[in-house]
Full PDB file with SEQRES, HELIX, SHEET, SSBOND, CRYST1, ORIGX, SCALE, CONECT and MASTER records, all heavy atoms in Angstrom:
SEQRES   1 A   39  LEU PRO VAL GLU VAL LEU ALA ARG ARG ASP ARG ALA ALA          
SEQRES   2 A   39  LEU SER PHE GLY PRO LEU ARG PRO VAL GLY LEU THR ASP          
SEQRES   3 A   39  PRO ARG THR GLY ARG ARG PRO HIS ALA VAL VAL GLN LEU          
HELIX    1 AA1 VAL A    3  ARG A    9  1                                   7    
HELIX    2 AA2 ALA A   13  PHE A   16  5                                   4    
CRYST1    1.000    1.000    1.000  90.00  90.00  90.00 P 1           1          
ORIGX1      1.000000  0.000000  0.000000        0.00000                         
ORIGX2      0.000000  1.000000  0.000000        0.00000                         
ORIGX3      0.000000  0.000000  1.000000        0.00000                         
SCALE1      1.000000  0.000000  0.000000        0.00000                         
SCALE2      0.000000  1.000000  0.000000        0.00000                         
SCALE3      0.000000  0.000000  1.000000        0.00000                         
ATOM      1  N   LEU A   1     101.808  87.283  17.135  1.00  0.00           N  
ATOM      2  CA  LEU A   1     103.073  87.568  17.799  1.00  0.00           C  
ATOM      3  C   LEU A   1     102.851  88.163  19.189  1.00  0.00           C  
ATOM      4  O   LEU A   1     101.991  89.025  19.365  1.00  0.00           O  
ATOM      5  CB  LEU A   1     103.883  88.549  16.960  1.00  0.00           C  
ATOM      6  CG  LEU A   1     104.497  88.001  15.675  1.00  0.00           C  
ATOM      7  CD1 LEU A   1     105.103  89.139  14.871  1.00  0.00           C  
ATOM      8  CD2 LEU A   1     105.549  86.955  15.986  1.00  0.00           C  
ATOM      9  N   PRO A   2     103.652  87.770  20.175  1.00  0.00           N  
ATOM     10  CA  PRO A   2     103.599  88.436  21.475  1.00  0.00           C  
ATOM     11  C   PRO A   2     103.967  89.913  21.333  1.00  0.00           C  
ATOM     12  O   PRO A   2     104.778  90.293  20.484  1.00  0.00           O  
ATOM     13  CB  PRO A   2     104.651  87.677  22.299  1.00  0.00           C  
ATOM     14  CG  PRO A   2     104.788  86.351  21.623  1.00  0.00           C  
ATOM     15  CD  PRO A   2     104.578  86.621  20.169  1.00  0.00           C  
ATOM     16  N   VAL A   3     103.386  90.760  22.187  1.00  0.00           N  
ATOM     17  CA  VAL A   3     103.624  92.198  22.070  1.00  0.00           C  
ATOM     18  C   VAL A   3     105.096  92.536  22.268  1.00  0.00           C  
ATOM     19  O   VAL A   3     105.614  93.464  21.628  1.00  0.00           O  
ATOM     20  CB  VAL A   3     102.745  92.987  23.062  1.00  0.00           C  
ATOM     21  CG1 VAL A   3     101.298  92.961  22.616  1.00  0.00           C  
ATOM     22  CG2 VAL A   3     102.890  92.459  24.488  1.00  0.00           C  
ATOM     23  N   GLU A   4     105.787  91.794  23.133  1.00  0.00           N  
ATOM     24  CA  GLU A   4     107.193  92.104  23.357  1.00  0.00           C  
ATOM     25  C   GLU A   4     108.053  91.781  22.134  1.00  0.00           C  
ATOM     26  O   GLU A   4     109.063  92.436  21.880  1.00  0.00           O  
ATOM     27  CB  GLU A   4     107.722  91.375  24.602  1.00  0.00           C  
ATOM     28  CG  GLU A   4     107.677  89.855  24.557  1.00  0.00           C  
ATOM     29  CD  GLU A   4     106.368  89.266  25.058  1.00  0.00           C  
ATOM     30  OE1 GLU A   4     105.372  90.029  25.176  1.00  0.00           O  
ATOM     31  OE2 GLU A   4     106.351  88.060  25.325  1.00  0.00           O  
ATOM     32  N   VAL A   5     107.635  90.781  21.363  1.00  0.00           N  
ATOM     33  CA  VAL A   5     108.365  90.456  20.136  1.00  0.00           C  
ATOM     34  C   VAL A   5     108.154  91.551  19.093  1.00  0.00           C  
ATOM     35  O   VAL A   5     109.100  91.987  18.425  1.00  0.00           O  
ATOM     36  CB  VAL A   5     107.905  89.085  19.584  1.00  0.00           C  
ATOM     37  CG1 VAL A   5     108.530  88.811  18.225  1.00  0.00           C  
ATOM     38  CG2 VAL A   5     108.276  87.984  20.567  1.00  0.00           C  
ATOM     39  N   LEU A   6     106.917  92.024  18.975  1.00  0.00           N  
ATOM     40  CA  LEU A   6     106.648  93.129  18.061  1.00  0.00           C  
ATOM     41  C   LEU A   6     107.455  94.364  18.445  1.00  0.00           C  
ATOM     42  O   LEU A   6     108.045  95.034  17.580  1.00  0.00           O  
ATOM     43  CB  LEU A   6     105.155  93.464  18.080  1.00  0.00           C  
ATOM     44  CG  LEU A   6     104.238  92.644  17.178  1.00  0.00           C  
ATOM     45  CD1 LEU A   6     102.784  92.974  17.479  1.00  0.00           C  
ATOM     46  CD2 LEU A   6     104.539  92.908  15.715  1.00  0.00           C  
ATOM     47  N   ALA A   7     107.488  94.687  19.720  1.00  0.00           N  
ATOM     48  CA  ALA A   7     108.206  95.880  20.167  1.00  0.00           C  
ATOM     49  C   ALA A   7     109.703  95.765  19.917  1.00  0.00           C  
ATOM     50  O   ALA A   7     110.362  96.765  19.621  1.00  0.00           O  
ATOM     51  CB  ALA A   7     107.933  96.128  21.649  1.00  0.00           C  
ATOM     52  N   ARG A   8     110.250  94.560  20.043  1.00  0.00           N  
ATOM     53  CA  ARG A   8     111.679  94.379  19.781  1.00  0.00           C  
ATOM     54  C   ARG A   8     112.008  94.592  18.311  1.00  0.00           C  
ATOM     55  O   ARG A   8     113.106  95.023  17.968  1.00  0.00           O  
ATOM     56  CB  ARG A   8     112.133  92.978  20.221  1.00  0.00           C  
ATOM     57  CG  ARG A   8     112.450  92.886  21.699  1.00  0.00           C  
ATOM     58  CD  ARG A   8     113.284  91.650  22.015  1.00  0.00           C  
ATOM     59  NE  ARG A   8     112.544  90.419  21.779  1.00  0.00           N  
ATOM     60  CZ  ARG A   8     111.789  89.812  22.687  1.00  0.00           C  
ATOM     61  NH1 ARG A   8     111.653  90.346  23.897  1.00  0.00           N  
ATOM     62  NH2 ARG A   8     111.164  88.698  22.399  1.00  0.00           N  
ATOM     63  N   ARG A   9     111.066  94.276  17.432  1.00  0.00           N  
ATOM     64  CA  ARG A   9     111.314  94.464  16.006  1.00  0.00           C  
ATOM     65  C   ARG A   9     111.390  95.940  15.648  1.00  0.00           C  
ATOM     66  O   ARG A   9     112.210  96.347  14.822  1.00  0.00           O  
ATOM     67  CB  ARG A   9     110.206  93.786  15.198  1.00  0.00           C  
ATOM     68  CG  ARG A   9     110.254  92.274  15.256  1.00  0.00           C  
ATOM     69  CD  ARG A   9     109.188  91.671  14.373  1.00  0.00           C  
ATOM     70  NE  ARG A   9     109.325  90.225  14.274  1.00  0.00           N  
ATOM     71  CZ  ARG A   9     108.558  89.449  13.513  1.00  0.00           C  
ATOM     72  NH1 ARG A   9     107.606  89.999  12.774  1.00  0.00           N  
ATOM     73  NH2 ARG A   9     108.747  88.165  13.472  1.00  0.00           N  
ATOM     74  N   ASP A  10     110.506  96.737  16.256  1.00  0.00           N  
ATOM     75  CA  ASP A  10     110.469  98.172  15.977  1.00  0.00           C  
ATOM     76  C   ASP A  10     109.670  98.837  17.092  1.00  0.00           C  
ATOM     77  O   ASP A  10     108.555  98.408  17.397  1.00  0.00           O  
ATOM     78  CB  ASP A  10     109.815  98.437  14.620  1.00  0.00           C  
ATOM     79  CG  ASP A  10     109.965  99.874  14.166  1.00  0.00           C  
ATOM     80  OD1 ASP A  10     109.599 100.787  14.945  1.00  0.00           O  
ATOM     81  OD2 ASP A  10     110.423 100.102  13.040  1.00  0.00           O  
ATOM     82  N   ARG A  11     110.221  99.891  17.673  1.00  0.00           N  
ATOM     83  CA  ARG A  11     109.544 100.548  18.796  1.00  0.00           C  
ATOM     84  C   ARG A  11     108.160 101.066  18.403  1.00  0.00           C  
ATOM     85  O   ARG A  11     107.260 101.164  19.245  1.00  0.00           O  
ATOM     86  CB  ARG A  11     110.390 101.704  19.319  1.00  0.00           C  
ATOM     87  CG  ARG A  11     111.616 101.283  20.109  1.00  0.00           C  
ATOM     88  CD  ARG A  11     112.363 102.517  20.621  1.00  0.00           C  
ATOM     89  NE  ARG A  11     111.521 103.317  21.496  1.00  0.00           N  
ATOM     90  CZ  ARG A  11     111.398 103.128  22.801  1.00  0.00           C  
ATOM     91  NH1 ARG A  11     112.058 102.138  23.399  1.00  0.00           N  
ATOM     92  NH2 ARG A  11     110.625 103.911  23.531  1.00  0.00           N  
ATOM     93  N   ALA A  12     107.981 101.409  17.133  1.00  0.00           N  
ATOM     94  CA  ALA A  12     106.692 101.946  16.687  1.00  0.00           C  
ATOM     95  C   ALA A  12     105.721 100.866  16.239  1.00  0.00           C  
ATOM     96  O   ALA A  12     104.569 101.167  15.911  1.00  0.00           O  
ATOM     97  CB  ALA A  12     106.910 102.947  15.550  1.00  0.00           C  
ATOM     98  N   ALA A  13     106.162  99.613  16.221  1.00  0.00           N  
ATOM     99  CA  ALA A  13     105.349  98.541  15.630  1.00  0.00           C  
ATOM    100  C   ALA A  13     103.989  98.397  16.299  1.00  0.00           C  
ATOM    101  O   ALA A  13     102.971  98.186  15.637  1.00  0.00           O  
ATOM    102  CB  ALA A  13     106.109  97.224  15.686  1.00  0.00           C  
ATOM    103  N   LEU A  14     103.934  98.498  17.624  1.00  0.00           N  
ATOM    104  CA  LEU A  14     102.663  98.314  18.326  1.00  0.00           C  
ATOM    105  C   LEU A  14     101.655  99.399  17.960  1.00  0.00           C  
ATOM    106  O   LEU A  14     100.455  99.139  17.866  1.00  0.00           O  
ATOM    107  CB  LEU A  14     102.890  98.297  19.830  1.00  0.00           C  
ATOM    108  CG  LEU A  14     103.657  97.092  20.391  1.00  0.00           C  
ATOM    109  CD1 LEU A  14     103.949  97.287  21.869  1.00  0.00           C  
ATOM    110  CD2 LEU A  14     102.877  95.812  20.161  1.00  0.00           C  
ATOM    111  N   SER A  15     102.139 100.626  17.746  1.00  0.00           N  
ATOM    112  CA  SER A  15     101.230 101.733  17.427  1.00  0.00           C  
ATOM    113  C   SER A  15     100.663 101.620  16.024  1.00  0.00           C  
ATOM    114  O   SER A  15      99.696 102.299  15.676  1.00  0.00           O  
ATOM    115  CB  SER A  15     101.938 103.086  17.598  1.00  0.00           C  
ATOM    116  OG  SER A  15     103.029 103.208  16.699  1.00  0.00           O  
ATOM    117  N   PHE A  16     101.266 100.749  15.194  1.00  0.00           N  
ATOM    118  CA  PHE A  16     100.728 100.478  13.865  1.00  0.00           C  
ATOM    119  C   PHE A  16     100.054  99.102  13.810  1.00  0.00           C  
ATOM    120  O   PHE A  16      99.545  98.706  12.775  1.00  0.00           O  
ATOM    121  CB  PHE A  16     101.838 100.540  12.809  1.00  0.00           C  
ATOM    122  CG  PHE A  16     102.334 101.932  12.563  1.00  0.00           C  
ATOM    123  CD1 PHE A  16     103.449 102.416  13.231  1.00  0.00           C  
ATOM    124  CD2 PHE A  16     101.675 102.773  11.678  1.00  0.00           C  
ATOM    125  CE1 PHE A  16     103.908 103.703  13.011  1.00  0.00           C  
ATOM    126  CE2 PHE A  16     102.110 104.059  11.449  1.00  0.00           C  
ATOM    127  CZ  PHE A  16     103.235 104.534  12.123  1.00  0.00           C  
ATOM    128  N   GLY A  17     100.076  98.396  14.941  1.00  0.00           N  
ATOM    129  CA  GLY A  17      99.481  97.067  15.011  1.00  0.00           C  
ATOM    130  C   GLY A  17      98.346  97.027  16.001  1.00  0.00           C  
ATOM    131  O   GLY A  17      97.345  97.739  15.839  1.00  0.00           O  
ATOM    132  N   PRO A  18      98.462  96.250  17.093  1.00  0.00           N  
ATOM    133  CA  PRO A  18      97.340  96.116  18.034  1.00  0.00           C  
ATOM    134  C   PRO A  18      96.987  97.399  18.775  1.00  0.00           C  
ATOM    135  O   PRO A  18      95.890  97.509  19.311  1.00  0.00           O  
ATOM    136  CB  PRO A  18      97.824  95.028  19.003  1.00  0.00           C  
ATOM    137  CG  PRO A  18      99.310  95.011  18.868  1.00  0.00           C  
ATOM    138  CD  PRO A  18      99.596  95.371  17.449  1.00  0.00           C  
ATOM    139  N   LEU A  19      97.899  98.391  18.803  1.00  0.00           N  
ATOM    140  CA  LEU A  19      97.618  99.648  19.507  1.00  0.00           C  
ATOM    141  C   LEU A  19      97.314 100.797  18.537  1.00  0.00           C  
ATOM    142  O   LEU A  19      97.362 101.960  18.924  1.00  0.00           O  
ATOM    143  CB  LEU A  19      98.801 100.044  20.406  1.00  0.00           C  
ATOM    144  CG  LEU A  19      98.829  99.441  21.819  1.00  0.00           C  
ATOM    145  CD1 LEU A  19      99.019  97.941  21.751  1.00  0.00           C  
ATOM    146  CD2 LEU A  19      99.943 100.064  22.640  1.00  0.00           C  
ATOM    147  N   ARG A  20      97.000 100.475  17.295  1.00  0.00           N  
ATOM    148  CA  ARG A  20      96.750 101.550  16.330  1.00  0.00           C  
ATOM    149  C   ARG A  20      95.519 102.368  16.762  1.00  0.00           C  
ATOM    150  O   ARG A  20      94.490 101.810  17.140  1.00  0.00           O  
ATOM    151  CB  ARG A  20      96.549 100.989  14.927  1.00  0.00           C  
ATOM    152  CG  ARG A  20      95.334 100.099  14.755  1.00  0.00           C  
ATOM    153  CD  ARG A  20      95.372  99.391  13.401  1.00  0.00           C  
ATOM    154  NE  ARG A  20      94.184  98.587  13.187  1.00  0.00           N  
ATOM    155  CZ  ARG A  20      93.994  97.375  13.685  1.00  0.00           C  
ATOM    156  NH1 ARG A  20      94.932  96.831  14.446  1.00  0.00           N  
ATOM    157  NH2 ARG A  20      92.895  96.693  13.436  1.00  0.00           N  
ATOM    158  N   PRO A  21      95.602 103.695  16.676  1.00  0.00           N  
ATOM    159  CA  PRO A  21      94.529 104.550  17.191  1.00  0.00           C  
ATOM    160  C   PRO A  21      93.520 105.000  16.148  1.00  0.00           C  
ATOM    161  O   PRO A  21      92.632 105.786  16.459  1.00  0.00           O  
ATOM    162  CB  PRO A  21      95.312 105.755  17.713  1.00  0.00           C  
ATOM    163  CG  PRO A  21      96.466 105.870  16.761  1.00  0.00           C  
ATOM    164  CD  PRO A  21      96.820 104.461  16.346  1.00  0.00           C  
ATOM    165  N   VAL A  22      93.642 104.515  14.911  1.00  0.00           N  
ATOM    166  CA  VAL A  22      92.787 105.026  13.838  1.00  0.00           C  
ATOM    167  C   VAL A  22      91.306 104.804  14.156  1.00  0.00           C  
ATOM    168  O   VAL A  22      90.920 103.787  14.735  1.00  0.00           O  
ATOM    169  CB  VAL A  22      93.131 104.363  12.483  1.00  0.00           C  
ATOM    170  CG1 VAL A  22      94.532 104.740  12.047  1.00  0.00           C  
ATOM    171  CG2 VAL A  22      92.995 102.842  12.568  1.00  0.00           C  
ATOM    172  N   GLY A  23      90.500 105.796  13.801  1.00  0.00           N  
ATOM    173  CA  GLY A  23      89.058 105.697  13.993  1.00  0.00           C  
ATOM    174  C   GLY A  23      88.586 105.960  15.398  1.00  0.00           C  
ATOM    175  O   GLY A  23      87.420 105.732  15.713  1.00  0.00           O  
ATOM    176  N   LEU A  24      89.471 106.457  16.271  1.00  0.00           N  
ATOM    177  CA  LEU A  24      89.107 106.697  17.663  1.00  0.00           C  
ATOM    178  C   LEU A  24      89.501 108.123  18.068  1.00  0.00           C  
ATOM    179  O   LEU A  24      90.554 108.621  17.659  1.00  0.00           O  
ATOM    180  CB  LEU A  24      89.802 105.690  18.586  1.00  0.00           C  
ATOM    181  CG  LEU A  24      89.358 104.231  18.441  1.00  0.00           C  
ATOM    182  CD1 LEU A  24      90.322 103.312  19.158  1.00  0.00           C  
ATOM    183  CD2 LEU A  24      87.936 104.046  18.963  1.00  0.00           C  
ATOM    184  N   THR A  25      88.660 108.747  18.867  1.00  0.00           N  
ATOM    185  CA  THR A  25      88.918 110.086  19.381  1.00  0.00           C  
ATOM    186  C   THR A  25      88.793 110.069  20.894  1.00  0.00           C  
ATOM    187  O   THR A  25      87.779 109.603  21.436  1.00  0.00           O  
ATOM    188  CB  THR A  25      87.929 111.109  18.801  1.00  0.00           C  
ATOM    189  OG1 THR A  25      88.052 111.117  17.367  1.00  0.00           O  
ATOM    190  CG2 THR A  25      88.192 112.501  19.335  1.00  0.00           C  
ATOM    191  N   ASP A  26      89.817 110.560  21.572  1.00  0.00           N  
ATOM    192  CA  ASP A  26      89.800 110.634  23.031  1.00  0.00           C  
ATOM    193  C   ASP A  26      88.855 111.775  23.435  1.00  0.00           C  
ATOM    194  O   ASP A  26      89.111 112.937  23.102  1.00  0.00           O  
ATOM    195  CB  ASP A  26      91.207 110.904  23.544  1.00  0.00           C  
ATOM    196  CG  ASP A  26      91.297 110.865  25.067  1.00  0.00           C  
ATOM    197  OD1 ASP A  26      90.245 110.898  25.733  1.00  0.00           O  
ATOM    198  OD2 ASP A  26      92.428 110.800  25.580  1.00  0.00           O  
ATOM    199  N   PRO A  27      87.756 111.486  24.139  1.00  0.00           N  
ATOM    200  CA  PRO A  27      86.806 112.549  24.494  1.00  0.00           C  
ATOM    201  C   PRO A  27      87.399 113.606  25.423  1.00  0.00           C  
ATOM    202  O   PRO A  27      86.898 114.722  25.493  1.00  0.00           O  
ATOM    203  CB  PRO A  27      85.664 111.784  25.180  1.00  0.00           C  
ATOM    204  CG  PRO A  27      86.260 110.498  25.632  1.00  0.00           C  
ATOM    205  CD  PRO A  27      87.323 110.169  24.642  1.00  0.00           C  
ATOM    206  N   ARG A  28      88.493 113.275  26.118  1.00  0.00           N  
ATOM    207  CA  ARG A  28      89.110 114.265  27.005  1.00  0.00           C  
ATOM    208  C   ARG A  28      89.845 115.351  26.224  1.00  0.00           C  
ATOM    209  O   ARG A  28      89.935 116.488  26.664  1.00  0.00           O  
ATOM    210  CB  ARG A  28      90.098 113.579  27.951  1.00  0.00           C  
ATOM    211  CG  ARG A  28      89.470 112.588  28.929  1.00  0.00           C  
ATOM    212  CD  ARG A  28      90.563 111.988  29.811  1.00  0.00           C  
ATOM    213  NE  ARG A  28      91.611 111.379  29.000  1.00  0.00           N  
ATOM    214  CZ  ARG A  28      92.835 111.102  29.428  1.00  0.00           C  
ATOM    215  NH1 ARG A  28      93.183 111.399  30.679  1.00  0.00           N  
ATOM    216  NH2 ARG A  28      93.728 110.523  28.638  1.00  0.00           N  
ATOM    217  N   THR A  29      90.407 114.986  25.067  1.00  0.00           N  
ATOM    218  CA  THR A  29      91.215 115.938  24.297  1.00  0.00           C  
ATOM    219  C   THR A  29      90.559 116.344  22.984  1.00  0.00           C  
ATOM    220  O   THR A  29      90.941 117.349  22.390  1.00  0.00           O  
ATOM    221  CB  THR A  29      92.587 115.325  23.985  1.00  0.00           C  
ATOM    222  OG1 THR A  29      92.406 114.175  23.123  1.00  0.00           O  
ATOM    223  CG2 THR A  29      93.293 114.878  25.264  1.00  0.00           C  
ATOM    224  N   GLY A  30      89.606 115.517  22.512  1.00  0.00           N  
ATOM    225  CA  GLY A  30      89.007 115.775  21.205  1.00  0.00           C  
ATOM    226  C   GLY A  30      89.926 115.420  20.058  1.00  0.00           C  
ATOM    227  O   GLY A  30      89.625 115.749  18.896  1.00  0.00           O  
ATOM    228  N   ARG A  31      91.034 114.717  20.338  1.00  0.00           N  
ATOM    229  CA  ARG A  31      91.992 114.356  19.300  1.00  0.00           C  
ATOM    230  C   ARG A  31      92.223 112.833  19.300  1.00  0.00           C  
ATOM    231  O   ARG A  31      91.923 112.145  20.267  1.00  0.00           O  
ATOM    232  CB  ARG A  31      93.329 115.068  19.520  1.00  0.00           C  
ATOM    233  CG  ARG A  31      93.254 116.591  19.445  1.00  0.00           C  
ATOM    234  CD  ARG A  31      94.647 117.206  19.414  1.00  0.00           C  
ATOM    235  NE  ARG A  31      95.430 116.835  20.583  1.00  0.00           N  
ATOM    236  CZ  ARG A  31      95.439 117.509  21.727  1.00  0.00           C  
ATOM    237  NH1 ARG A  31      94.664 118.586  21.868  1.00  0.00           N  
ATOM    238  NH2 ARG A  31      96.178 117.111  22.747  1.00  0.00           N  
ATOM    239  N   ARG A  32      92.803 112.392  18.217  1.00  0.00           N  
ATOM    240  CA  ARG A  32      93.176 110.983  18.139  1.00  0.00           C  
ATOM    241  C   ARG A  32      94.416 110.742  19.002  1.00  0.00           C  
ATOM    242  O   ARG A  32      95.400 111.479  18.893  1.00  0.00           O  
ATOM    243  CB  ARG A  32      93.473 110.580  16.689  1.00  0.00           C  
ATOM    244  CG  ARG A  32      93.707 109.084  16.515  1.00  0.00           C  
ATOM    245  CD  ARG A  32      93.839 108.698  15.054  1.00  0.00           C  
ATOM    246  NE  ARG A  32      95.165 108.990  14.514  1.00  0.00           N  
ATOM    247  CZ  ARG A  32      95.573 108.665  13.298  1.00  0.00           C  
ATOM    248  NH1 ARG A  32      94.719 108.070  12.475  1.00  0.00           N  
ATOM    249  NH2 ARG A  32      96.785 108.970  12.872  1.00  0.00           N  
ATOM    250  N   PRO A  33      94.418 109.718  19.870  1.00  0.00           N  
ATOM    251  CA  PRO A  33      95.591 109.438  20.705  1.00  0.00           C  
ATOM    252  C   PRO A  33      96.765 108.951  19.853  1.00  0.00           C  
ATOM    253  O   PRO A  33      96.612 108.578  18.691  1.00  0.00           O  
ATOM    254  CB  PRO A  33      95.098 108.332  21.647  1.00  0.00           C  
ATOM    255  CG  PRO A  33      93.605 108.333  21.524  1.00  0.00           C  
ATOM    256  CD  PRO A  33      93.298 108.816  20.147  1.00  0.00           C  
ATOM    257  N   HIS A  34      97.932 108.928  20.468  1.00  0.00           N  
ATOM    258  CA  HIS A  34      99.102 108.376  19.775  1.00  0.00           C  
ATOM    259  C   HIS A  34      98.977 106.862  19.631  1.00  0.00           C  
ATOM    260  O   HIS A  34      99.383 106.288  18.619  1.00  0.00           O  
ATOM    261  CB  HIS A  34     100.376 108.717  20.556  1.00  0.00           C  
ATOM    262  CG  HIS A  34     101.619 108.185  19.909  1.00  0.00           C  
ATOM    263  ND1 HIS A  34     102.199 108.773  18.805  1.00  0.00           N  
ATOM    264  CD2 HIS A  34     102.390 107.100  20.212  1.00  0.00           C  
ATOM    265  CE1 HIS A  34     103.265 108.093  18.453  1.00  0.00           C  
ATOM    266  NE2 HIS A  34     103.406 107.061  19.288  1.00  0.00           N  
ATOM    267  N   ALA A  35      98.398 106.225  20.632  1.00  0.00           N  
ATOM    268  CA  ALA A  35      98.174 104.772  20.618  1.00  0.00           C  
ATOM    269  C   ALA A  35      96.985 104.463  21.519  1.00  0.00           C  
ATOM    270  O   ALA A  35      96.657 105.259  22.410  1.00  0.00           O  
ATOM    271  CB  ALA A  35      99.412 104.019  21.079  1.00  0.00           C  
ATOM    272  N   VAL A  36      96.350 103.344  21.297  1.00  0.00           N  
ATOM    273  CA  VAL A  36      95.173 102.953  22.083  1.00  0.00           C  
ATOM    274  C   VAL A  36      95.220 101.461  22.364  1.00  0.00           C  
ATOM    275  O   VAL A  36      95.421 100.652  21.450  1.00  0.00           O  
ATOM    276  CB  VAL A  36      93.853 103.286  21.354  1.00  0.00           C  
ATOM    277  CG1 VAL A  36      92.674 102.615  22.051  1.00  0.00           C  
ATOM    278  CG2 VAL A  36      93.632 104.779  21.297  1.00  0.00           C  
ATOM    279  N   VAL A  37      95.049 101.100  23.618  1.00  0.00           N  
ATOM    280  CA  VAL A  37      94.855  99.702  23.991  1.00  0.00           C  
ATOM    281  C   VAL A  37      93.355  99.456  24.085  1.00  0.00           C  
ATOM    282  O   VAL A  37      92.662 100.121  24.859  1.00  0.00           O  
ATOM    283  CB  VAL A  37      95.533  99.388  25.333  1.00  0.00           C  
ATOM    284  CG1 VAL A  37      95.233  97.949  25.753  1.00  0.00           C  
ATOM    285  CG2 VAL A  37      97.037  99.618  25.237  1.00  0.00           C  
ATOM    286  N   GLN A  38      92.845  98.508  23.288  1.00  0.00           N  
ATOM    287  CA  GLN A  38      91.415  98.199  23.315  1.00  0.00           C  
ATOM    288  C   GLN A  38      91.149  96.969  24.172  1.00  0.00           C  
ATOM    289  O   GLN A  38      91.936  96.014  24.176  1.00  0.00           O  
ATOM    290  CB  GLN A  38      90.883  97.975  21.902  1.00  0.00           C  
ATOM    291  CG  GLN A  38      90.717  99.245  21.091  1.00  0.00           C  
ATOM    292  CD  GLN A  38      89.740  99.050  19.937  1.00  0.00           C  
ATOM    293  OE1 GLN A  38      89.884  98.148  19.123  1.00  0.00           O  
ATOM    294  NE2 GLN A  38      88.739  99.906  19.870  1.00  0.00           N  
ATOM    295  N   LEU A  39      90.018  97.004  24.872  1.00  0.00           N  
ATOM    296  CA  LEU A  39      89.567  95.864  25.656  1.00  0.00           C  
ATOM    297  C   LEU A  39      88.184  95.451  25.160  1.00  0.00           C  
ATOM    298  O   LEU A  39      87.322  96.295  24.952  1.00  0.00           O  
ATOM    299  CB  LEU A  39      89.515  96.204  27.145  1.00  0.00           C  
ATOM    300  CG  LEU A  39      90.865  96.558  27.777  1.00  0.00           C  
ATOM    301  CD1 LEU A  39      90.991  98.067  27.908  1.00  0.00           C  
ATOM    302  CD2 LEU A  39      91.021  95.892  29.128  1.00  0.00           C  
TER     303      LEU A  39                                                      
MASTER        0    0    0    2    0    0    0    6  302    1    0    3          
END                                                                             
């Protein structure tokens, strides 16, 4: 699905889908981010 279609279904959908932050820690804060875009 295109990201805009996912976002239209639910504002939180991306953070539980392609932007899910599980397993990652931001070294600047030492905490898990709310969402993460991976490249």
